[in-house]
Protein backbone atom coordinates (compact mmCIF):
# COMPACT_ATOMS: atom_id res chain seq x y z
CA MET A 1 33.76 153.49 108.40
CA LEU A 2 36.19 155.27 110.26
CA PHE A 3 34.52 154.13 113.29
CA LEU A 4 35.52 150.24 112.19
CA PHE A 5 38.84 151.21 111.32
CA TYR A 6 39.61 152.83 114.70
CA LEU A 7 38.49 149.61 116.42
CA SER A 8 40.25 147.75 114.25
CA LEU A 9 43.51 149.63 115.61
CA SER A 10 42.40 149.39 119.38
CA PHE A 11 43.56 147.12 121.64
CA ALA A 12 40.28 146.23 123.34
CA ILE A 13 36.68 146.52 122.24
CA THR A 14 34.30 147.62 124.88
CA ILE A 15 30.33 146.50 125.34
CA GLU A 16 28.95 148.81 124.07
CA GLU A 17 31.28 149.47 121.54
CA ALA A 18 30.51 145.68 120.49
CA VAL A 19 26.56 146.39 120.50
CA GLU A 20 26.69 150.00 118.70
CA ILE A 21 29.03 147.48 115.82
CA ALA A 22 25.69 144.76 115.92
CA LYS A 23 23.08 147.92 115.43
CA LYS A 24 24.88 148.94 112.55
CA GLN A 25 26.24 145.72 110.81
CA ALA A 26 24.05 143.02 111.78
CA ASN A 27 22.30 141.00 109.51
CA GLN A 28 19.06 141.08 111.16
CA ILE A 29 18.99 145.04 111.47
CA LYS A 30 19.94 145.21 107.67
CA LEU A 31 17.12 142.95 106.73
CA SER A 32 14.54 144.89 109.08
CA GLU A 33 15.87 148.02 107.45
CA ILE A 34 14.81 146.54 103.92
CA GLU A 35 11.26 145.30 105.27
CA ILE A 36 10.72 149.31 106.76
CA LYS A 37 11.33 150.43 103.11
CA LYS A 38 9.32 148.30 101.82
CA ALA A 39 6.55 149.01 104.05
CA GLU A 40 7.22 152.69 102.99
CA GLU A 41 6.76 151.70 99.02
CA GLN A 42 4.03 149.88 99.83
CA LEU A 43 2.21 153.13 101.25
CA ARG A 44 3.27 155.41 98.76
CA LYS A 45 1.66 153.01 96.32
CA ALA A 46 -1.78 152.92 98.77
CA LYS A 47 -1.63 156.95 98.78
CA ALA A 48 -1.61 156.43 94.67
CA ASN A 49 -4.81 155.26 94.13
CA ILE A 50 -6.24 159.14 95.72
CA LEU A 51 -4.24 161.38 93.22
CA PRO A 52 -5.75 162.13 89.84
CA GLN A 53 -4.55 159.75 87.28
CA VAL A 54 -3.41 161.40 84.28
CA SER A 55 -2.73 160.19 80.54
CA LEU A 56 -1.57 161.19 77.47
CA SER A 57 -1.66 159.17 74.06
CA TYR A 58 -1.35 159.61 70.48
CA SER A 59 -2.04 157.18 67.34
CA TYR A 60 -1.57 157.82 63.97
CA ASN A 61 -3.04 155.22 61.12
CA TYR A 62 -2.94 155.46 57.16
CA LEU A 63 -5.98 153.91 55.35
CA GLY A 64 -6.15 153.11 51.90
CA GLN A 65 -8.74 154.36 49.27
CA ASP A 66 -10.65 151.95 49.59
CA LEU A 67 -11.04 152.06 53.60
CA ALA A 68 -11.19 156.34 53.55
CA LEU A 69 -14.66 156.57 52.37
CA GLY A 70 -16.63 159.46 53.37
CA ALA A 71 -15.39 161.54 55.96
CA THR A 72 -12.84 159.24 57.08
CA PRO A 73 -9.65 160.83 56.04
CA ASN A 74 -6.11 158.90 54.72
CA ASN A 75 -4.13 160.56 57.52
CA ARG A 76 -5.75 159.18 60.99
CA HIS A 77 -4.51 161.40 63.65
CA THR A 78 -5.59 160.86 67.32
CA ALA A 79 -4.30 162.39 70.73
CA VAL A 80 -6.25 161.97 73.86
CA PHE A 81 -5.19 163.93 77.29
CA GLN A 82 -7.50 162.13 79.87
CA ILE A 83 -7.55 162.47 83.96
CA ASN A 84 -9.28 160.34 86.50
CA GLN A 85 -9.79 160.74 89.63
CA THR A 86 -11.08 158.65 92.36
CA VAL A 87 -14.24 160.34 94.80
CA PHE A 88 -15.00 157.70 96.95
CA ASP A 89 -13.69 154.24 97.30
CA LYS A 90 -13.62 153.39 100.89
CA THR A 91 -11.46 150.31 100.10
CA ILE A 92 -8.72 152.80 99.36
CA PHE A 93 -8.62 154.88 102.25
CA GLU A 94 -8.85 151.27 104.32
CA LEU A 95 -5.84 150.14 102.37
CA ILE A 96 -4.03 153.73 102.99
CA LYS A 97 -4.28 153.38 106.64
CA SER A 98 -3.26 149.06 106.98
CA ALA A 99 -0.16 150.45 105.26
CA ASN A 100 0.44 152.84 107.41
CA ILE A 101 0.22 150.73 109.99
CA GLN A 102 1.77 148.14 108.42
CA ARG A 103 5.03 150.39 108.20
CA GLU A 104 4.98 151.29 112.17
CA LEU A 105 4.81 147.40 112.57
CA GLN A 106 7.93 147.13 110.70
CA ILE A 107 9.51 149.94 112.69
CA LEU A 108 8.56 147.98 116.10
CA LEU A 109 9.90 144.59 114.49
CA LYS A 110 13.15 146.42 113.95
CA GLU A 111 13.42 147.61 117.81
CA ASP A 112 12.53 143.75 118.86
CA VAL A 113 15.47 142.73 116.62
CA GLU A 114 17.55 145.58 117.81
CA ARG A 115 16.55 144.40 121.25
CA THR A 116 17.14 140.98 120.73
CA LEU A 117 20.55 141.54 118.85
CA GLU A 118 22.19 143.72 121.89
CA TYR A 119 21.19 140.64 124.20
CA GLU A 120 23.05 138.18 122.17
CA VAL A 121 25.73 140.55 122.27
CA LYS A 122 26.22 140.96 125.71
CA ASP A 123 25.41 137.19 126.35
CA LEU A 124 28.66 136.67 123.73
CA PHE A 125 30.80 139.28 125.47
CA TYR A 126 30.22 138.08 128.90
CA ALA A 127 30.95 134.42 127.71
CA LEU A 128 34.40 135.70 126.22
CA LEU A 129 35.14 137.88 129.74
CA TYR A 130 34.17 134.78 131.61
CA ARG A 131 36.56 132.27 129.27
CA LYS A 132 38.98 135.21 128.92
CA THR A 133 39.31 135.59 133.21
CA LEU A 134 39.48 131.24 132.93
CA ILE A 135 42.08 131.32 130.66
CA SER A 136 44.19 133.66 133.19
CA LEU A 137 42.85 131.49 136.23
CA TYR A 138 44.75 128.42 134.49
CA GLU A 139 47.82 130.31 133.48
CA GLU A 140 48.31 130.60 136.98
CA ASN A 141 47.42 127.73 137.84
CA LEU A 142 49.92 126.17 135.06
CA GLN A 143 52.61 128.52 137.03
CA TYR A 144 52.03 127.05 140.51
CA TRP A 145 52.04 123.09 138.65
CA GLN A 146 55.42 124.25 137.31
CA ALA A 147 57.06 125.69 140.27
CA ASN A 148 55.55 122.64 142.39
CA TYR A 149 57.02 120.21 139.89
CA LYS A 150 60.69 121.87 140.04
CA THR A 151 60.50 121.25 143.48
CA VAL A 152 59.22 117.62 143.70
CA GLU A 153 61.75 116.96 141.03
CA ALA A 154 64.72 118.18 143.37
CA LYS A 155 63.52 116.65 146.30
CA PHE A 156 63.37 113.53 144.05
CA ASN A 157 66.81 113.84 143.09
CA ALA A 158 67.69 114.41 146.62
CA GLY A 159 66.37 111.08 147.10
CA ILE A 160 63.80 112.70 149.49
CA VAL A 161 60.17 111.37 147.58
CA PRO A 162 59.75 108.39 145.41
CA LYS A 163 59.31 108.62 141.56
CA VAL A 164 55.67 107.89 142.05
CA GLU A 165 55.63 111.78 143.60
CA LEU A 166 57.82 112.82 141.02
CA LEU A 167 55.30 111.07 137.82
CA ARG A 168 51.81 112.57 139.43
CA ALA A 169 53.60 116.07 139.54
CA LEU A 170 54.74 115.64 136.14
CA SER A 171 51.08 114.41 135.16
CA GLN A 172 49.34 117.56 137.19
CA LEU A 173 51.68 119.80 134.71
CA GLN A 174 50.38 118.11 131.74
CA GLN A 175 47.10 118.53 132.98
CA ALA A 176 47.28 122.21 133.76
CA LYS A 177 48.71 122.91 130.41
CA ALA A 178 46.03 120.58 128.27
CA GLN A 179 43.33 122.63 130.71
CA LEU A 180 44.79 125.68 129.50
CA GLU A 181 45.09 125.19 125.91
CA GLN A 182 41.48 123.91 126.56
CA ALA A 183 40.38 127.05 127.80
CA LYS A 184 42.12 129.14 124.75
CA GLY A 185 40.27 127.13 122.53
CA GLU A 186 36.92 127.85 123.80
CA TYR A 187 37.46 131.23 123.81
CA LEU A 188 38.86 131.61 120.51
CA GLN A 189 35.36 129.71 119.05
CA ALA A 190 33.68 132.37 121.39
CA LEU A 191 35.53 135.07 119.81
CA GLU A 192 34.96 133.71 116.08
CA GLU A 193 31.17 133.10 117.12
CA LEU A 194 30.73 136.99 118.19
CA LYS A 195 32.97 138.13 114.88
CA SER A 196 30.35 136.31 113.06
CA LEU A 197 27.08 138.34 114.76
CA LEU A 198 28.85 141.68 114.46
CA ARG A 199 30.18 140.59 110.70
CA LEU A 200 33.76 141.76 110.88
CA GLU A 201 37.03 140.09 109.78
CA LYS A 202 39.36 140.81 112.63
CA LEU A 203 37.48 141.54 116.29
CA SER A 204 39.93 142.88 119.24
CA ASP A 205 39.91 141.04 122.73
CA PRO A 206 36.90 141.96 125.37
CA GLU A 207 37.85 144.78 127.47
CA GLY A 208 36.18 144.44 130.70
CA ILE A 209 36.25 142.20 133.96
CA LEU A 210 32.78 139.96 135.20
CA GLU A 211 31.76 141.61 138.59
CA MET A 212 28.77 140.45 140.86
CA ARG A 213 26.00 143.36 140.30
CA GLN A 214 23.96 144.68 143.28
CA VAL A 215 20.22 145.25 141.69
CA GLU A 216 17.04 145.88 143.02
CA LEU A 217 14.26 143.70 142.00
CA ASP A 218 11.16 145.27 142.54
CA GLN A 219 8.64 142.14 141.00
CA GLU A 220 5.59 144.47 140.91
CA LYS A 221 7.33 147.13 138.86
CA LEU A 222 9.58 144.99 136.73
CA PHE A 223 6.15 143.19 135.56
CA GLN A 224 4.66 146.77 134.87
CA ALA A 225 7.76 147.97 132.70
CA LEU A 226 7.21 144.06 131.18
CA LEU A 227 3.67 145.28 130.04
CA GLU A 228 4.40 148.57 128.56
CA LYS A 229 8.28 148.96 127.28
CA ASN A 230 8.74 145.12 125.83
CA SER A 231 9.34 145.48 122.25
CA THR A 232 8.17 142.09 121.39
CA LEU A 233 4.75 142.87 122.97
CA ARG A 234 4.57 146.36 121.40
CA ALA A 235 5.40 144.48 118.03
CA SER A 236 2.48 141.85 119.16
CA ARG A 237 -0.13 144.90 119.83
CA LYS A 238 0.20 146.61 116.26
CA ALA A 239 -0.07 143.39 114.51
CA VAL A 240 -3.22 142.71 116.36
CA GLU A 241 -4.12 146.32 115.13
CA LEU A 242 -2.99 145.24 111.62
CA ALA A 243 -5.00 142.59 111.55
CA GLU A 244 -8.38 144.21 112.99
CA LYS A 245 -7.98 147.13 110.39
CA ASN A 246 -7.38 144.53 107.57
CA VAL A 247 -11.19 143.30 108.82
CA GLU A 248 -11.93 147.14 107.61
CA LEU A 249 -10.78 146.29 104.66
CA LYS A 250 -12.21 143.58 103.20
CA LYS A 251 -15.54 145.64 104.91
CA ALA A 252 -15.15 148.49 102.68
CA GLN A 253 -15.79 145.92 99.86
CA TYR A 254 -19.90 146.54 100.55
CA TYR A 255 -19.29 150.21 99.54
CA PRO A 256 -19.86 151.54 96.90
CA THR A 257 -17.42 154.01 94.59
CA LEU A 258 -17.22 156.82 92.48
CA SER A 259 -15.17 158.68 90.23
CA ALA A 260 -14.80 161.26 87.94
CA SER A 261 -12.91 161.69 84.33
CA ALA A 262 -12.43 164.39 82.30
CA SER A 263 -10.48 164.21 78.73
CA TYR A 264 -9.34 166.66 75.85
CA GLN A 265 -9.50 164.88 72.23
CA ALA A 266 -8.29 165.71 69.40
CA PHE A 267 -8.43 164.08 65.86
CA THR A 268 -8.07 164.04 62.40
CA GLY A 269 -11.57 164.20 59.99
CA ARG A 270 -12.32 164.67 56.49
CA LYS A 271 -13.51 168.29 55.56
CA ASP A 272 -15.04 167.88 52.04
CA LEU A 273 -15.18 165.05 49.61
CA ARG A 274 -11.69 166.27 47.86
CA GLY A 275 -9.62 164.97 50.67
CA ASN A 276 -9.00 167.93 52.49
CA THR A 277 -8.45 167.20 56.40
CA GLU A 278 -8.73 169.47 59.72
CA TRP A 279 -8.28 168.83 63.35
CA LEU A 280 -11.52 168.13 65.17
CA SER A 281 -11.08 168.75 68.92
CA GLY A 282 -13.45 168.77 72.29
CA TYR A 283 -13.74 168.14 76.04
CA SER A 284 -15.61 165.55 77.48
CA PHE A 285 -16.81 164.89 81.56
CA GLY A 286 -18.03 162.24 83.34
CA ILE A 287 -18.89 160.59 86.81
CA SER A 288 -19.37 156.75 87.52
CA LEU A 289 -21.11 154.90 90.27
CA ASN A 290 -20.16 151.11 90.74
CA TYR A 291 -21.46 149.18 93.20
CA ARG A 292 -22.19 145.28 93.31
CA LEU A 293 -25.17 143.78 94.18
CA PHE A 294 -24.24 140.43 94.04
CA ASP A 295 -20.73 138.58 93.97
CA GLY A 296 -21.35 135.25 95.25
CA PHE A 297 -20.59 135.53 98.88
CA SER A 298 -16.91 136.33 97.74
CA ARG A 299 -16.79 139.66 100.24
CA LYS A 300 -18.60 137.82 103.13
CA ALA A 301 -15.94 134.92 102.53
CA ASP A 302 -13.16 137.56 102.81
CA VAL A 303 -14.42 139.25 105.68
CA SER A 304 -14.64 135.62 107.90
CA LEU A 305 -11.60 134.97 107.22
CA ALA A 306 -9.68 138.57 108.41
CA GLU A 307 -12.05 137.97 110.98
CA LEU A 308 -10.44 134.38 111.76
CA GLU A 309 -6.95 136.05 111.03
CA LEU A 310 -8.00 138.39 113.92
CA LEU A 311 -8.80 136.11 116.61
CA LYS A 312 -5.28 134.27 116.03
CA GLN A 313 -3.79 137.45 115.93
CA ARG A 314 -5.46 137.99 119.73
CA GLU A 315 -4.94 134.85 120.95
CA ASN A 316 -1.12 134.93 119.69
CA HIS A 317 -0.97 138.12 121.74
CA LEU A 318 -2.44 136.85 124.96
CA GLN A 319 0.34 133.28 124.87
CA LEU A 320 2.95 135.68 123.63
CA GLU A 321 2.31 137.78 127.46
CA TYR A 322 1.67 134.93 128.90
CA ASN A 323 4.99 133.58 128.24
CA LEU A 324 6.97 136.68 128.74
CA LYS A 325 5.95 137.19 132.16
CA ALA A 326 6.51 133.00 133.23
CA THR A 327 10.44 134.10 131.49
CA LEU A 328 10.27 137.07 133.88
CA ASN A 329 9.52 134.93 136.67
CA LYS A 330 11.81 132.59 135.92
CA VAL A 331 14.90 135.14 135.53
CA LEU A 332 13.93 136.71 139.11
CA ILE A 333 14.08 133.51 140.43
CA SER A 334 17.70 132.17 138.60
CA LEU A 335 18.85 136.27 139.84
CA ASN A 336 18.04 135.15 143.63
CA SER A 337 19.44 131.57 143.01
CA ILE A 338 22.63 133.29 141.69
CA THR A 339 23.01 136.20 144.39
CA SER A 340 22.43 133.29 146.73
CA GLN A 341 25.10 131.14 145.46
CA ILE A 342 27.77 133.74 144.52
CA ASN A 343 27.34 134.70 148.36
CA ALA A 344 28.53 131.39 149.18
CA VAL A 345 31.35 130.76 147.50
CA LYS A 346 33.02 133.34 148.10
CA ALA A 347 32.31 132.81 151.39
CA SER A 348 33.97 129.24 150.36
CA LEU A 349 36.86 130.80 147.98
CA GLU A 350 38.19 132.35 151.40
CA THR A 351 38.68 128.74 153.83
CA ALA A 352 39.55 127.35 150.13
CA GLN A 353 42.64 129.81 150.03
CA GLU A 354 43.66 129.51 153.18
CA ALA A 355 43.61 125.95 153.21
CA LEU A 356 45.72 125.90 149.77
CA ARG A 357 48.47 127.86 151.61
CA LEU A 358 48.54 125.59 154.39
CA SER A 359 48.82 122.28 152.53
CA THR A 360 51.67 123.93 150.02
CA GLU A 361 53.73 124.92 152.79
CA ARG A 362 53.28 122.02 154.58
CA TYR A 363 54.31 119.56 151.43
CA ARG A 364 57.26 121.94 151.22
CA LEU A 365 58.04 121.16 155.06
CA GLY A 366 57.42 117.24 154.81
CA ILE A 367 54.57 117.01 156.87
CA ALA A 368 51.70 116.94 153.96
CA SER A 369 51.26 114.58 151.21
CA GLN A 370 51.05 115.45 147.98
CA LEU A 371 47.26 114.31 147.61
CA GLU A 372 46.50 116.55 150.27
CA MET A 373 47.99 119.61 148.55
CA LEU A 374 46.38 118.62 144.97
CA GLU A 375 43.03 118.38 147.14
CA SER A 376 43.08 121.80 148.28
CA ARG A 377 44.32 123.11 144.62
CA ALA A 378 41.55 121.18 143.21
CA ASN A 379 39.20 122.69 145.37
CA TYR A 380 40.28 126.18 145.24
CA ASN A 381 40.50 126.09 141.29
CA ASN A 382 37.35 124.58 140.83
CA LEU A 383 35.62 126.60 143.31
CA LEU A 384 37.03 129.78 141.86
CA ALA A 385 35.89 128.79 138.16
CA THR A 386 32.54 128.18 139.62
CA TYR A 387 32.84 131.92 141.34
CA TYR A 388 33.51 132.92 137.73
CA PHE A 389 30.92 130.80 136.28
CA LEU A 390 28.24 132.34 138.37
CA LEU A 391 29.64 135.70 137.92
CA TYR A 392 28.83 134.98 134.03
CA GLN A 393 25.64 133.72 134.64
CA GLN A 394 24.03 136.78 137.00
CA ASN A 395 25.52 139.44 134.21
CA SER A 396 23.87 137.83 130.91
CA THR A 397 20.50 136.99 133.20
CA LEU A 398 20.42 140.62 133.98
CA ALA A 399 20.83 141.29 130.19
CA LEU A 400 18.03 139.13 129.37
CA LEU A 401 16.24 141.08 132.49
CA GLU A 402 16.79 144.19 130.58
CA ARG A 403 15.97 142.91 127.55
CA LEU A 404 12.81 141.86 129.03
CA VAL A 405 11.57 145.48 130.62
CA LYS A 406 13.65 148.14 128.50
């Protein structure tokens, strides 16, 4: 709570802080923790079957004279202390193993949720940085068109330019204002989405800037890391293991069960015909061996259903592996394409910036037309916006790559 309070007072939130909050606050994490606790209780319940079952009972009955005949007393007290112990029951042992695997599966599923959540937070965070950068770009653009409008207005008042140029400058100024407001609205919407994911009422502005990242992509190593480290695949393997154990659990029904019991009993009995009573007590011990000879093929059906579920889990795991490999391939292709586009746009930006500078100066000197300047500014802005968008795509795609192989 102190950590969250500190964040509410800070001027900006980093991507690491956002991920940390998500892992503590997000709904998916809370639900995963509940599932882990449920699995732990199921394991405890399964283990309870191999522990001795101890019971104590007491009863009292009063019998009228017409019923209390012979050695039966009027006041009947009965107390029993009993212990039952399972000596051998393969079903119980397999159930404990299955419950333990289920707990391990829930832990892996929580890790998978954390990995997915981390990617979602990073993607939203990079989107916020992108929109924040666009706001800065459009604010600069607005200042440019405000200055341009003042220049055109002065020329119009001096009778140098026609009214159509003044109206065109005013229109461009209004478009710049609308563009800025739209960027601010999209930024606030993205901020609300991140706040919802983090379950926070207030959230400060994201800290950082979008930068081009240089990464070494070794395809063979990345595919090996995918198979070994991907949390979704690891959880899927554990689900297959659980299905295998469920088959063993169903087959355990073919084994006999052996149990033992011991008890100490005490009850009141009539000592003589005059109605005197006394407590009678003693020990008892027994063993029980049970085996179902025939159950209408119920056990065979249970085993067949479990084996079919195992085949289903194996098939799903195989398809998941193919899907993740295909996703990794697409990510690597996208990264190569985005990197090439970034380099191309960076080269074009220098040319566009110089062209804008020249057209602006030429227009102020009355050499270039207003349309030439508008075209240069639009080209520069579009290239810069494209550059920022490509940086967002690269950072988001790298976050997805980390989600796949770490």
